[in-house]
Full PDB file with SEQRES, HELIX, SHEET, SSBOND, CRYST1, ORIGX, SCALE, CONECT and MASTER records, all heavy atoms in Angstrom:
SEQRES   1 A   34  ILE ALA VAL SER ASN TRP TYR ARG ASN LEU TYR ILE LYS          
SEQRES   2 A   34  ILE LYS ARG LYS ALA ASN PRO GLY PHE LEU PHE TYR THR          
SEQRES   3 A   34  PRO PRO TYR HIS VAL VAL MET ALA                              
HELIX    1 AA1 VAL A    3  ALA A   18  1                                  16    
CRYST1    1.000    1.000    1.000  90.00  90.00  90.00 P 1           1          
ORIGX1      1.000000  0.000000  0.000000        0.00000                         
ORIGX2      0.000000  1.000000  0.000000        0.00000                         
ORIGX3      0.000000  0.000000  1.000000        0.00000                         
SCALE1      1.000000  0.000000  0.000000        0.00000                         
SCALE2      0.000000  1.000000  0.000000        0.00000                         
SCALE3      0.000000  0.000000  1.000000        0.00000                         
ATOM      1  N   ILE A   1     109.285 124.714 115.279  1.00  0.00           N  
ATOM      2  CA  ILE A   1     108.504 123.628 115.877  1.00  0.00           C  
ATOM      3  C   ILE A   1     107.332 123.349 114.942  1.00  0.00           C  
ATOM      4  O   ILE A   1     106.455 124.195 114.747  1.00  0.00           O  
ATOM      5  CB  ILE A   1     107.994 124.022 117.274  1.00  0.00           C  
ATOM      6  CG1 ILE A   1     109.172 124.243 118.218  1.00  0.00           C  
ATOM      7  CG2 ILE A   1     107.071 122.938 117.832  1.00  0.00           C  
ATOM      8  CD1 ILE A   1     108.770 124.785 119.586  1.00  0.00           C  
ATOM      9  N   ALA A   2     107.354 122.195 114.309  1.00  0.00           N  
ATOM     10  CA  ALA A   2     106.320 121.841 113.339  1.00  0.00           C  
ATOM     11  C   ALA A   2     106.198 120.320 113.274  1.00  0.00           C  
ATOM     12  O   ALA A   2     107.160 119.595 113.530  1.00  0.00           O  
ATOM     13  CB  ALA A   2     106.667 122.398 111.960  1.00  0.00           C  
ATOM     14  N   VAL A   3     105.012 119.849 112.922  1.00  0.00           N  
ATOM     15  CA  VAL A   3     104.770 118.402 112.841  1.00  0.00           C  
ATOM     16  C   VAL A   3     105.715 117.768 111.828  1.00  0.00           C  
ATOM     17  O   VAL A   3     106.281 116.698 112.068  1.00  0.00           O  
ATOM     18  CB  VAL A   3     103.302 118.118 112.472  1.00  0.00           C  
ATOM     19  CG1 VAL A   3     103.092 116.625 112.217  1.00  0.00           C  
ATOM     20  CG2 VAL A   3     102.371 118.587 113.584  1.00  0.00           C  
ATOM     21  N   SER A   4     105.910 118.418 110.681  1.00  0.00           N  
ATOM     22  CA  SER A   4     106.785 117.852 109.644  1.00  0.00           C  
ATOM     23  C   SER A   4     108.216 117.721 110.158  1.00  0.00           C  
ATOM     24  O   SER A   4     108.892 116.717 109.883  1.00  0.00           O  
ATOM     25  CB  SER A   4     106.741 118.728 108.392  1.00  0.00           C  
ATOM     26  OG  SER A   4     107.141 120.047 108.694  1.00  0.00           O  
ATOM     27  N   ASN A   5     108.677 118.723 110.904  1.00  0.00           N  
ATOM     28  CA  ASN A   5     110.032 118.653 111.460  1.00  0.00           C  
ATOM     29  C   ASN A   5     110.141 117.580 112.539  1.00  0.00           C  
ATOM     30  O   ASN A   5     111.190 116.937 112.687  1.00  0.00           O  
ATOM     31  CB  ASN A   5     110.442 120.015 112.026  1.00  0.00           C  
ATOM     32  CG  ASN A   5     110.678 121.044 110.932  1.00  0.00           C  
ATOM     33  OD1 ASN A   5     110.818 120.691 109.761  1.00  0.00           O  
ATOM     34  ND2 ASN A   5     110.711 122.313 111.301  1.00  0.00           N  
ATOM     35  N   TRP A   6     109.058 117.376 113.290  1.00  0.00           N  
ATOM     36  CA  TRP A   6     109.057 116.333 114.314  1.00  0.00           C  
ATOM     37  C   TRP A   6     109.229 114.964 113.654  1.00  0.00           C  
ATOM     38  O   TRP A   6     110.015 114.137 114.125  1.00  0.00           O  
ATOM     39  CB  TRP A   6     107.761 116.388 115.106  1.00  0.00           C  
ATOM     40  CG  TRP A   6     107.714 115.412 116.255  1.00  0.00           C  
ATOM     41  CD1 TRP A   6     108.179 115.592 117.526  1.00  0.00           C  
ATOM     42  CD2 TRP A   6     107.177 114.075 116.214  1.00  0.00           C  
ATOM     43  NE1 TRP A   6     107.964 114.472 118.283  1.00  0.00           N  
ATOM     44  CE2 TRP A   6     107.356 113.517 117.512  1.00  0.00           C  
ATOM     45  CE3 TRP A   6     106.564 113.303 115.230  1.00  0.00           C  
ATOM     46  CZ2 TRP A   6     106.939 112.226 117.827  1.00  0.00           C  
ATOM     47  CZ3 TRP A   6     106.150 112.023 115.541  1.00  0.00           C  
ATOM     48  CH2 TRP A   6     106.352 111.494 116.826  1.00  0.00           C  
ATOM     49  N   TYR A   7     108.492 114.717 112.573  1.00  0.00           N  
ATOM     50  CA  TYR A   7     108.613 113.442 111.863  1.00  0.00           C  
ATOM     51  C   TYR A   7     110.006 113.283 111.249  1.00  0.00           C  
ATOM     52  O   TYR A   7     110.577 112.191 111.262  1.00  0.00           O  
ATOM     53  CB  TYR A   7     107.540 113.333 110.774  1.00  0.00           C  
ATOM     54  CG  TYR A   7     106.217 112.838 111.293  1.00  0.00           C  
ATOM     55  CD1 TYR A   7     105.117 113.684 111.378  1.00  0.00           C  
ATOM     56  CD2 TYR A   7     106.051 111.512 111.705  1.00  0.00           C  
ATOM     57  CE1 TYR A   7     103.892 113.234 111.850  1.00  0.00           C  
ATOM     58  CE2 TYR A   7     104.832 111.049 112.185  1.00  0.00           C  
ATOM     59  CZ  TYR A   7     103.762 111.914 112.260  1.00  0.00           C  
ATOM     60  OH  TYR A   7     102.557 111.468 112.740  1.00  0.00           O  
ATOM     61  N   ARG A   8     110.549 114.363 110.717  1.00  0.00           N  
ATOM     62  CA  ARG A   8     111.901 114.312 110.153  1.00  0.00           C  
ATOM     63  C   ARG A   8     112.917 113.929 111.223  1.00  0.00           C  
ATOM     64  O   ARG A   8     113.761 113.056 111.012  1.00  0.00           O  
ATOM     65  CB  ARG A   8     112.264 115.673 109.556  1.00  0.00           C  
ATOM     66  CG  ARG A   8     113.686 115.758 108.996  1.00  0.00           C  
ATOM     67  CD  ARG A   8     114.156 117.198 108.903  1.00  0.00           C  
ATOM     68  NE  ARG A   8     114.264 117.815 110.212  1.00  0.00           N  
ATOM     69  CZ  ARG A   8     114.420 119.126 110.408  1.00  0.00           C  
ATOM     70  NH1 ARG A   8     114.478 119.947 109.390  1.00  0.00           N  
ATOM     71  NH2 ARG A   8     114.514 119.611 111.639  1.00  0.00           N  
ATOM     72  N   ASN A   9     112.812 114.573 112.390  1.00  0.00           N  
ATOM     73  CA  ASN A   9     113.762 114.297 113.467  1.00  0.00           C  
ATOM     74  C   ASN A   9     113.597 112.885 114.023  1.00  0.00           C  
ATOM     75  O   ASN A   9     114.584 112.240 114.407  1.00  0.00           O  
ATOM     76  CB  ASN A   9     113.603 115.330 114.583  1.00  0.00           C  
ATOM     77  CG  ASN A   9     114.015 116.720 114.137  1.00  0.00           C  
ATOM     78  OD1 ASN A   9     114.796 116.865 113.197  1.00  0.00           O  
ATOM     79  ND2 ASN A   9     113.495 117.737 114.794  1.00  0.00           N  
ATOM     80  N   LEU A  10     112.352 112.400 114.043  1.00  0.00           N  
ATOM     81  CA  LEU A  10     112.115 111.029 114.486  1.00  0.00           C  
ATOM     82  C   LEU A  10     112.756 110.045 113.518  1.00  0.00           C  
ATOM     83  O   LEU A  10     113.396 109.061 113.932  1.00  0.00           O  
ATOM     84  CB  LEU A  10     110.612 110.763 114.602  1.00  0.00           C  
ATOM     85  CG  LEU A  10     110.210 109.330 115.001  1.00  0.00           C  
ATOM     86  CD1 LEU A  10     110.752 108.985 116.391  1.00  0.00           C  
ATOM     87  CD2 LEU A  10     108.691 109.168 114.953  1.00  0.00           C  
ATOM     88  N   TYR A  11     112.597 110.303 112.229  1.00  0.00           N  
ATOM     89  CA  TYR A  11     113.207 109.458 111.196  1.00  0.00           C  
ATOM     90  C   TYR A  11     114.728 109.416 111.378  1.00  0.00           C  
ATOM     91  O   TYR A  11     115.344 108.347 111.305  1.00  0.00           O  
ATOM     92  CB  TYR A  11     112.844 109.992 109.812  1.00  0.00           C  
ATOM     93  CG  TYR A  11     113.644 109.378 108.677  1.00  0.00           C  
ATOM     94  CD1 TYR A  11     113.316 108.122 108.174  1.00  0.00           C  
ATOM     95  CD2 TYR A  11     114.720 110.068 108.109  1.00  0.00           C  
ATOM     96  CE1 TYR A  11     114.054 107.568 107.129  1.00  0.00           C  
ATOM     97  CE2 TYR A  11     115.453 109.516 107.079  1.00  0.00           C  
ATOM     98  CZ  TYR A  11     115.117 108.269 106.586  1.00  0.00           C  
ATOM     99  OH  TYR A  11     115.849 107.716 105.573  1.00  0.00           O  
ATOM    100  N   ILE A  12     115.318 110.584 111.630  1.00  0.00           N  
ATOM    101  CA  ILE A  12     116.768 110.660 111.806  1.00  0.00           C  
ATOM    102  C   ILE A  12     117.215 109.873 113.040  1.00  0.00           C  
ATOM    103  O   ILE A  12     118.227 109.163 113.017  1.00  0.00           O  
ATOM    104  CB  ILE A  12     117.218 112.128 111.887  1.00  0.00           C  
ATOM    105  CG1 ILE A  12     117.070 112.790 110.509  1.00  0.00           C  
ATOM    106  CG2 ILE A  12     118.664 112.238 112.375  1.00  0.00           C  
ATOM    107  CD1 ILE A  12     117.281 114.284 110.528  1.00  0.00           C  
ATOM    108  N   LYS A  13     116.461 109.984 114.130  1.00  0.00           N  
ATOM    109  CA  LYS A  13     116.806 109.249 115.353  1.00  0.00           C  
ATOM    110  C   LYS A  13     116.791 107.745 115.117  1.00  0.00           C  
ATOM    111  O   LYS A  13     117.672 107.007 115.583  1.00  0.00           O  
ATOM    112  CB  LYS A  13     115.829 109.609 116.474  1.00  0.00           C  
ATOM    113  CG  LYS A  13     116.075 110.978 117.085  1.00  0.00           C  
ATOM    114  CD  LYS A  13     115.102 111.249 118.222  1.00  0.00           C  
ATOM    115  CE  LYS A  13     115.357 112.625 118.843  1.00  0.00           C  
ATOM    116  NZ  LYS A  13     114.403 112.918 119.933  1.00  0.00           N  
ATOM    117  N   ILE A  14     115.784 107.281 114.378  1.00  0.00           N  
ATOM    118  CA  ILE A  14     115.684 105.851 114.070  1.00  0.00           C  
ATOM    119  C   ILE A  14     116.867 105.412 113.205  1.00  0.00           C  
ATOM    120  O   ILE A  14     117.493 104.375 113.456  1.00  0.00           O  
ATOM    121  CB  ILE A  14     114.338 105.538 113.374  1.00  0.00           C  
ATOM    122  CG1 ILE A  14     113.175 105.770 114.344  1.00  0.00           C  
ATOM    123  CG2 ILE A  14     114.331 104.099 112.861  1.00  0.00           C  
ATOM    124  CD1 ILE A  14     111.813 105.693 113.694  1.00  0.00           C  
ATOM    125  N   LYS A  15     117.190 106.204 112.192  1.00  0.00           N  
ATOM    126  CA  LYS A  15     118.310 105.883 111.313  1.00  0.00           C  
ATOM    127  C   LYS A  15     119.632 105.908 112.081  1.00  0.00           C  
ATOM    128  O   LYS A  15     120.494 105.052 111.886  1.00  0.00           O  
ATOM    129  CB  LYS A  15     118.370 106.864 110.144  1.00  0.00           C  
ATOM    130  CG  LYS A  15     117.179 106.814 109.210  1.00  0.00           C  
ATOM    131  CD  LYS A  15     117.121 105.532 108.412  1.00  0.00           C  
ATOM    132  CE  LYS A  15     118.151 105.458 107.336  1.00  0.00           C  
ATOM    133  NZ  LYS A  15     118.021 104.281 106.454  1.00  0.00           N  
ATOM    134  N   ARG A  16     119.782 106.883 112.986  1.00  0.00           N  
ATOM    135  CA  ARG A  16     121.004 106.999 113.765  1.00  0.00           C  
ATOM    136  C   ARG A  16     121.167 105.828 114.732  1.00  0.00           C  
ATOM    137  O   ARG A  16     122.278 105.382 115.017  1.00  0.00           O  
ATOM    138  CB  ARG A  16     120.974 108.314 114.551  1.00  0.00           C  
ATOM    139  CG  ARG A  16     121.461 109.529 113.745  1.00  0.00           C  
ATOM    140  CD  ARG A  16     122.970 109.635 113.899  1.00  0.00           C  
ATOM    141  NE  ARG A  16     123.554 110.698 113.120  1.00  0.00           N  
ATOM    142  CZ  ARG A  16     123.661 111.957 113.504  1.00  0.00           C  
ATOM    143  NH1 ARG A  16     123.160 112.340 114.658  1.00  0.00           N  
ATOM    144  NH2 ARG A  16     124.268 112.832 112.735  1.00  0.00           N  
ATOM    145  N   LYS A  17     120.059 105.350 115.256  1.00  0.00           N  
ATOM    146  CA  LYS A  17     120.127 104.215 116.184  1.00  0.00           C  
ATOM    147  C   LYS A  17     120.596 102.971 115.457  1.00  0.00           C  
ATOM    148  O   LYS A  17     121.400 102.176 115.985  1.00  0.00           O  
ATOM    149  CB  LYS A  17     118.766 103.972 116.834  1.00  0.00           C  
ATOM    150  CG  LYS A  17     118.821 102.973 117.978  1.00  0.00           C  
ATOM    151  CD  LYS A  17     117.513 102.939 118.736  1.00  0.00           C  
ATOM    152  CE  LYS A  17     117.612 101.985 119.941  1.00  0.00           C  
ATOM    153  NZ  LYS A  17     116.372 101.962 120.741  1.00  0.00           N  
ATOM    154  N   ALA A  18     120.122 102.790 114.238  1.00  0.00           N  
ATOM    155  CA  ALA A  18     120.521 101.632 113.442  1.00  0.00           C  
ATOM    156  C   ALA A  18     121.928 101.801 112.872  1.00  0.00           C  
ATOM    157  O   ALA A  18     122.665 100.826 112.713  1.00  0.00           O  
ATOM    158  CB  ALA A  18     119.523 101.405 112.304  1.00  0.00           C  
ATOM    159  N   ASN A  19     122.294 103.070 112.602  1.00  0.00           N  
ATOM    160  CA  ASN A  19     123.596 103.355 112.005  1.00  0.00           C  
ATOM    161  C   ASN A  19     124.109 104.683 112.559  1.00  0.00           C  
ATOM    162  O   ASN A  19     123.770 105.755 112.048  1.00  0.00           O  
ATOM    163  CB  ASN A  19     123.469 103.428 110.481  1.00  0.00           C  
ATOM    164  CG  ASN A  19     124.781 103.798 109.804  1.00  0.00           C  
ATOM    165  OD1 ASN A  19     125.854 103.764 110.426  1.00  0.00           O  
ATOM    166  ND2 ASN A  19     124.709 104.166 108.527  1.00  0.00           N  
ATOM    167  N   PRO A  20     124.943 104.653 113.615  1.00  0.00           N  
ATOM    168  CA  PRO A  20     125.414 105.890 114.251  1.00  0.00           C  
ATOM    169  C   PRO A  20     126.135 106.843 113.295  1.00  0.00           C  
ATOM    170  O   PRO A  20     126.167 108.045 113.529  1.00  0.00           O  
ATOM    171  CB  PRO A  20     126.371 105.381 115.340  1.00  0.00           C  
ATOM    172  CG  PRO A  20     125.891 104.000 115.639  1.00  0.00           C  
ATOM    173  CD  PRO A  20     125.409 103.448 114.336  1.00  0.00           C  
ATOM    174  N   GLY A  21     126.690 106.319 112.223  1.00  0.00           N  
ATOM    175  CA  GLY A  21     127.393 107.171 111.265  1.00  0.00           C  
ATOM    176  C   GLY A  21     126.534 107.598 110.092  1.00  0.00           C  
ATOM    177  O   GLY A  21     127.065 107.981 109.042  1.00  0.00           O  
ATOM    178  N   PHE A  22     125.213 107.565 110.255  1.00  0.00           N  
ATOM    179  CA  PHE A  22     124.277 107.877 109.170  1.00  0.00           C  
ATOM    180  C   PHE A  22     124.527 109.268 108.588  1.00  0.00           C  
ATOM    181  O   PHE A  22     124.661 110.257 109.294  1.00  0.00           O  
ATOM    182  CB  PHE A  22     122.844 107.773 109.694  1.00  0.00           C  
ATOM    183  CG  PHE A  22     121.805 108.280 108.731  1.00  0.00           C  
ATOM    184  CD1 PHE A  22     121.544 107.598 107.554  1.00  0.00           C  
ATOM    185  CD2 PHE A  22     121.086 109.440 109.018  1.00  0.00           C  
ATOM    186  CE1 PHE A  22     120.580 108.066 106.669  1.00  0.00           C  
ATOM    187  CE2 PHE A  22     120.128 109.906 108.146  1.00  0.00           C  
ATOM    188  CZ  PHE A  22     119.866 109.217 106.971  1.00  0.00           C  
ATOM    189  N   LEU A  23     124.594 109.336 107.243  1.00  0.00           N  
ATOM    190  CA  LEU A  23     124.757 110.593 106.510  1.00  0.00           C  
ATOM    191  C   LEU A  23     123.743 110.652 105.380  1.00  0.00           C  
ATOM    192  O   LEU A  23     123.222 109.628 104.925  1.00  0.00           O  
ATOM    193  CB  LEU A  23     126.164 110.698 105.908  1.00  0.00           C  
ATOM    194  CG  LEU A  23     127.352 110.767 106.860  1.00  0.00           C  
ATOM    195  CD1 LEU A  23     128.647 110.617 106.071  1.00  0.00           C  
ATOM    196  CD2 LEU A  23     127.354 112.073 107.633  1.00  0.00           C  
ATOM    197  N   PHE A  24     123.464 111.864 104.925  1.00  0.00           N  
ATOM    198  CA  PHE A  24     122.669 112.040 103.716  1.00  0.00           C  
ATOM    199  C   PHE A  24     123.621 112.064 102.517  1.00  0.00           C  
ATOM    200  O   PHE A  24     124.616 112.792 102.516  1.00  0.00           O  
ATOM    201  CB  PHE A  24     121.879 113.350 103.757  1.00  0.00           C  
ATOM    202  CG  PHE A  24     120.773 113.362 104.769  1.00  0.00           C  
ATOM    203  CD1 PHE A  24     120.833 114.187 105.884  1.00  0.00           C  
ATOM    204  CD2 PHE A  24     119.663 112.550 104.613  1.00  0.00           C  
ATOM    205  CE1 PHE A  24     119.817 114.202 106.819  1.00  0.00           C  
ATOM    206  CE2 PHE A  24     118.632 112.554 105.540  1.00  0.00           C  
ATOM    207  CZ  PHE A  24     118.715 113.390 106.647  1.00  0.00           C  
ATOM    208  N   TYR A  25     123.306 111.272 101.501  1.00  0.00           N  
ATOM    209  CA  TYR A  25     124.152 111.220 100.304  1.00  0.00           C  
ATOM    210  C   TYR A  25     123.538 112.093  99.211  1.00  0.00           C  
ATOM    211  O   TYR A  25     123.203 111.643  98.120  1.00  0.00           O  
ATOM    212  CB  TYR A  25     124.328 109.773  99.848  1.00  0.00           C  
ATOM    213  CG  TYR A  25     125.181 108.974 100.805  1.00  0.00           C  
ATOM    214  CD1 TYR A  25     124.609 108.345 101.910  1.00  0.00           C  
ATOM    215  CD2 TYR A  25     126.562 108.875 100.645  1.00  0.00           C  
ATOM    216  CE1 TYR A  25     125.387 107.631 102.810  1.00  0.00           C  
ATOM    217  CE2 TYR A  25     127.351 108.175 101.539  1.00  0.00           C  
ATOM    218  CZ  TYR A  25     126.751 107.548 102.618  1.00  0.00           C  
ATOM    219  OH  TYR A  25     127.533 106.856 103.509  1.00  0.00           O  
ATOM    220  N   THR A  26     123.379 113.344  99.536  1.00  0.00           N  
ATOM    221  CA  THR A  26     122.784 114.326  98.623  1.00  0.00           C  
ATOM    222  C   THR A  26     123.589 115.616  98.690  1.00  0.00           C  
ATOM    223  O   THR A  26     124.283 115.873  99.679  1.00  0.00           O  
ATOM    224  CB  THR A  26     121.319 114.627  99.006  1.00  0.00           C  
ATOM    225  OG1 THR A  26     121.281 115.060 100.374  1.00  0.00           O  
ATOM    226  CG2 THR A  26     120.437 113.404  98.819  1.00  0.00           C  
ATOM    227  N   PRO A  27     123.501 116.456  97.669  1.00  0.00           N  
ATOM    228  CA  PRO A  27     124.198 117.742  97.735  1.00  0.00           C  
ATOM    229  C   PRO A  27     123.679 118.580  98.906  1.00  0.00           C  
ATOM    230  O   PRO A  27     122.488 118.522  99.234  1.00  0.00           O  
ATOM    231  CB  PRO A  27     123.858 118.403  96.388  1.00  0.00           C  
ATOM    232  CG  PRO A  27     123.536 117.259  95.480  1.00  0.00           C  
ATOM    233  CD  PRO A  27     122.861 116.240  96.345  1.00  0.00           C  
ATOM    234  N   PRO A  28     124.514 119.379  99.527  1.00  0.00           N  
ATOM    235  CA  PRO A  28     124.100 120.208 100.665  1.00  0.00           C  
ATOM    236  C   PRO A  28     123.437 121.505 100.190  1.00  0.00           C  
ATOM    237  O   PRO A  28     123.980 122.607 100.355  1.00  0.00           O  
ATOM    238  CB  PRO A  28     125.422 120.477 101.387  1.00  0.00           C  
ATOM    239  CG  PRO A  28     126.441 120.491 100.282  1.00  0.00           C  
ATOM    240  CD  PRO A  28     125.973 119.470  99.278  1.00  0.00           C  
ATOM    241  N   TYR A  29     122.236 121.356  99.613  1.00  0.00           N  
ATOM    242  CA  TYR A  29     121.571 122.512  99.006  1.00  0.00           C  
ATOM    243  C   TYR A  29     121.269 123.620 100.019  1.00  0.00           C  
ATOM    244  O   TYR A  29     121.504 124.791  99.750  1.00  0.00           O  
ATOM    245  CB  TYR A  29     120.265 122.077  98.342  1.00  0.00           C  
ATOM    246  CG  TYR A  29     120.436 121.191  97.135  1.00  0.00           C  
ATOM    247  CD1 TYR A  29     119.861 119.925  97.092  1.00  0.00           C  
ATOM    248  CD2 TYR A  29     121.163 121.610  96.022  1.00  0.00           C  
ATOM    249  CE1 TYR A  29     119.999 119.102  95.982  1.00  0.00           C  
ATOM    250  CE2 TYR A  29     121.308 120.807  94.901  1.00  0.00           C  
ATOM    251  CZ  TYR A  29     120.720 119.549  94.886  1.00  0.00           C  
ATOM    252  OH  TYR A  29     120.866 118.749  93.790  1.00  0.00           O  
ATOM    253  N   HIS A  30     120.712 123.238 101.159  1.00  0.00           N  
ATOM    254  CA  HIS A  30     120.311 124.248 102.138  1.00  0.00           C  
ATOM    255  C   HIS A  30     121.467 124.525 103.095  1.00  0.00           C  
ATOM    256  O   HIS A  30     121.837 123.674 103.898  1.00  0.00           O  
ATOM    257  CB  HIS A  30     119.081 123.783 102.921  1.00  0.00           C  
ATOM    258  CG  HIS A  30     117.832 123.766 102.099  1.00  0.00           C  
ATOM    259  ND1 HIS A  30     116.570 123.700 102.643  1.00  0.00           N  
ATOM    260  CD2 HIS A  30     117.651 123.828 100.757  1.00  0.00           C  
ATOM    261  CE1 HIS A  30     115.672 123.715 101.683  1.00  0.00           C  
ATOM    262  NE2 HIS A  30     116.311 123.776 100.522  1.00  0.00           N  
ATOM    263  N   VAL A  31     122.004 125.730 103.026  1.00  0.00           N  
ATOM    264  CA  VAL A  31     123.171 126.053 103.847  1.00  0.00           C  
ATOM    265  C   VAL A  31     122.787 126.588 105.221  1.00  0.00           C  
ATOM    266  O   VAL A  31     123.648 126.785 106.077  1.00  0.00           O  
ATOM    267  CB  VAL A  31     124.104 127.053 103.125  1.00  0.00           C  
ATOM    268  CG1 VAL A  31     124.586 126.460 101.810  1.00  0.00           C  
ATOM    269  CG2 VAL A  31     123.412 128.395 102.905  1.00  0.00           C  
ATOM    270  N   VAL A  32     121.504 126.842 105.436  1.00  0.00           N  
ATOM    271  CA  VAL A  32     121.019 127.229 106.757  1.00  0.00           C  
ATOM    272  C   VAL A  32     119.772 126.425 107.100  1.00  0.00           C  
ATOM    273  O   VAL A  32     119.038 125.985 106.218  1.00  0.00           O  
ATOM    274  CB  VAL A  32     120.686 128.740 106.866  1.00  0.00           C  
ATOM    275  CG1 VAL A  32     121.916 129.582 106.677  1.00  0.00           C  
ATOM    276  CG2 VAL A  32     119.594 129.125 105.884  1.00  0.00           C  
ATOM    277  N   MET A  33     119.558 126.247 108.398  1.00  0.00           N  
ATOM    278  CA  MET A  33     118.299 125.716 108.913  1.00  0.00           C  
ATOM    279  C   MET A  33     117.800 126.764 109.901  1.00  0.00           C  
ATOM    280  O   MET A  33     118.328 126.902 111.004  1.00  0.00           O  
ATOM    281  CB  MET A  33     118.505 124.372 109.612  1.00  0.00           C  
ATOM    282  CG  MET A  33     118.931 123.255 108.674  1.00  0.00           C  
ATOM    283  SD  MET A  33     119.259 121.701 109.539  1.00  0.00           S  
ATOM    284  CE  MET A  33     117.647 121.369 110.248  1.00  0.00           C  
ATOM    285  N   ALA A  34     116.800 127.532 109.492  1.00  0.00           N  
ATOM    286  CA  ALA A  34     116.360 128.680 110.283  1.00  0.00           C  
ATOM    287  C   ALA A  34     114.991 128.450 110.897  1.00  0.00           C  
ATOM    288  O   ALA A  34     114.187 127.644 110.416  1.00  0.00           O  
ATOM    289  CB  ALA A  34     116.328 129.932 109.412  1.00  0.00           C  
TER     290      ALA A  34                                                      
MASTER        0    0    0    1    0    0    0    6  289    1    0    3          
END                                                                             
């Protein structure tokens, strides 16, 4: 739970609303989210 993560998740929600199939076009560097 962090302010930076809150903004990230808000950004994702906005992108998902505009495009339900939204993906990141980057290598999957981080294999865990802990």
